[in-house]
C-alpha atoms as a PDB file:
ATOM      1  CA  MET A   1       0.000   0.000   0.000  1.00  0.00           C
ATOM      2  CA  ALA A   2       1.336   3.476  -0.919  1.00  0.00           C
ATOM      3  CA  LYS A   3       2.169   5.855   1.875  1.00  0.00           C
ATOM      4  CA  THR A   4       0.025   9.013   1.796  1.00  0.00           C
ATOM      5  CA  PRO A   5       1.631  12.401   2.407  1.00  0.00           C
ATOM      6  CA  PRO A   6       0.885  14.051   5.752  1.00  0.00           C
ATOM      7  CA  LYS A   7      -2.156  16.301   5.809  1.00  0.00           C
ATOM      8  CA  MET A   8      -1.809  20.036   6.263  1.00  0.00           C
ATOM      9  CA  GLY A   9      -2.530  21.221   9.753  1.00  0.00           C
ATOM     10  CA  ARG A  10      -1.386  23.615  12.375  1.00  0.00           C
ATOM     11  CA  PRO A  11       2.329  24.347  12.170  1.00  0.00           C
ATOM     12  CA  PRO A  12       4.400  23.164  15.143  1.00  0.00           C
ATOM     13  CA  LEU A  13       4.489  25.567  18.075  1.00  0.00           C
ATOM     14  CA  ASN A  14       7.689  27.398  18.877  1.00  0.00           C
ATOM     15  CA  PRO A  15       9.375  25.390  21.667  1.00  0.00           C
ATOM     16  CA  SER A  16      10.664  28.578  23.311  1.00  0.00           C
ATOM     17  CA  GLY A  17       7.113  29.749  23.968  1.00  0.00           C
ATOM     18  CA  PRO A  18       4.954  32.594  22.645  1.00  0.00           C
ATOM     19  CA  GLN A  19       6.598  35.344  20.642  1.00  0.00           C
ATOM     20  CA  GLY A  20       5.191  38.117  22.771  1.00  0.00           C
ATOM     21  CA  ARG A  21       2.120  39.607  24.332  1.00  0.00           C
ATOM     22  CA  VAL A  22      -0.631  41.367  22.428  1.00  0.00           C
ATOM     23  CA  LEU A  23      -1.450  44.998  23.150  1.00  0.00           C
ATOM     24  CA  GLN A  24      -4.706  46.258  21.696  1.00  0.00           C
ATOM     25  CA  ILE A  25      -5.145  49.957  20.977  1.00  0.00           C
ATOM     26  CA  ARG A  26      -7.961  51.883  19.376  1.00  0.00           C
ATOM     27  CA  LEU A  27      -7.195  53.840  16.212  1.00  0.00           C
ATOM     28  CA  SER A  28      -9.386  55.818  13.893  1.00  0.00           C
ATOM     29  CA  ASP A  29      -9.457  54.632  10.298  1.00  0.00           C
ATOM     30  CA  ALA A  30      -7.433  57.705   9.324  1.00  0.00           C
ATOM     31  CA  GLU A  31      -4.751  56.963  11.933  1.00  0.00           C
ATOM     32  CA  ARG A  32      -4.447  53.329  10.862  1.00  0.00           C
ATOM     33  CA  ILE A  33      -4.128  54.291   7.192  1.00  0.00           C
ATOM     34  CA  GLU A  34      -1.506  56.930   8.017  1.00  0.00           C
ATOM     35  CA  TYR A  35       0.533  54.500  10.137  1.00  0.00           C
ATOM     36  CA  GLN A  36       0.226  51.737   7.539  1.00  0.00           C
ATOM     37  CA  LYS A  37       1.500  54.042   4.781  1.00  0.00           C
ATOM     38  CA  ALA A  38       4.434  55.141   6.948  1.00  0.00           C
ATOM     39  CA  ALA A  39       5.302  51.505   7.707  1.00  0.00           C
ATOM     40  CA  GLU A  40       5.184  50.617   4.010  1.00  0.00           C
ATOM     41  CA  ARG A  41       7.481  53.548   3.167  1.00  0.00           C
ATOM     42  CA  CYS A  42       9.978  52.124   5.681  1.00  0.00           C
ATOM     43  CA  GLY A  43       9.555  48.570   4.384  1.00  0.00           C
ATOM     44  CA  GLN A  44       8.230  47.335   7.722  1.00  0.00           C
ATOM     45  CA  SER A  45       5.090  45.653   8.946  1.00  0.00           C
ATOM     46  CA  LEU A  46       2.679  47.895  10.801  1.00  0.00           C
ATOM     47  CA  SER A  47       3.400  46.216  14.140  1.00  0.00           C
ATOM     48  CA  ALA A  48       7.187  46.454  13.657  1.00  0.00           C
ATOM     49  CA  TRP A  49       6.889  50.129  12.732  1.00  0.00           C
ATOM     50  CA  ILE A  50       4.743  50.909  15.775  1.00  0.00           C
ATOM     51  CA  ARG A  51       7.063  48.952  18.143  1.00  0.00           C
ATOM     52  CA  GLU A  52      10.100  50.816  16.813  1.00  0.00           C
ATOM     53  CA  ARG A  53       8.459  54.226  17.176  1.00  0.00           C
ATOM     54  CA  LEU A  54       7.213  53.469  20.699  1.00  0.00           C
ATOM     55  CA  ALA A  55      10.665  52.238  21.745  1.00  0.00           C
ATOM     56  CA  ARG A  56      12.231  55.478  20.451  1.00  0.00           C
ATOM     57  CA  ALA A  57       9.680  57.588  22.311  1.00  0.00           C
ATOM     58  CA  ALA A  58      10.166  55.621  25.537  1.00  0.00           C
ATOM     59  CA  LYS A  59      13.951  56.046  25.397  1.00  0.00           C
ATOM     60  CA  ARG A  60      13.622  59.767  24.650  1.00  0.00           C
ATOM     61  CA  GLU A  61      11.204  60.286  27.537  1.00  0.00           C
ATOM     62  CA  ALA A  62      13.427  58.287  29.902  1.00  0.00           C
ATOM     63  CA  LYS A  63      16.323  60.614  29.108  1.00  0.00           C
ATOM     64  CA  GLU A  64      14.167  63.675  29.757  1.00  0.00           C
ATOM     65  CA  ALA A  65      12.918  62.400  33.125  1.00  0.00           C
END
């Protein structure tokens, strides 16, 4: 009997655990579009762009405190 290929399913979980926690924020449609366009101009995903900008702001504010 011929062996059948494995069926598609959920990919294996990362053994080191979840990649991170989810933070939900509310944005207007205009804000989301503006942020998405800025992320695309930088060649980044929206979440990567937002994380980078928030990290910069946090460091700047820590220096000012």
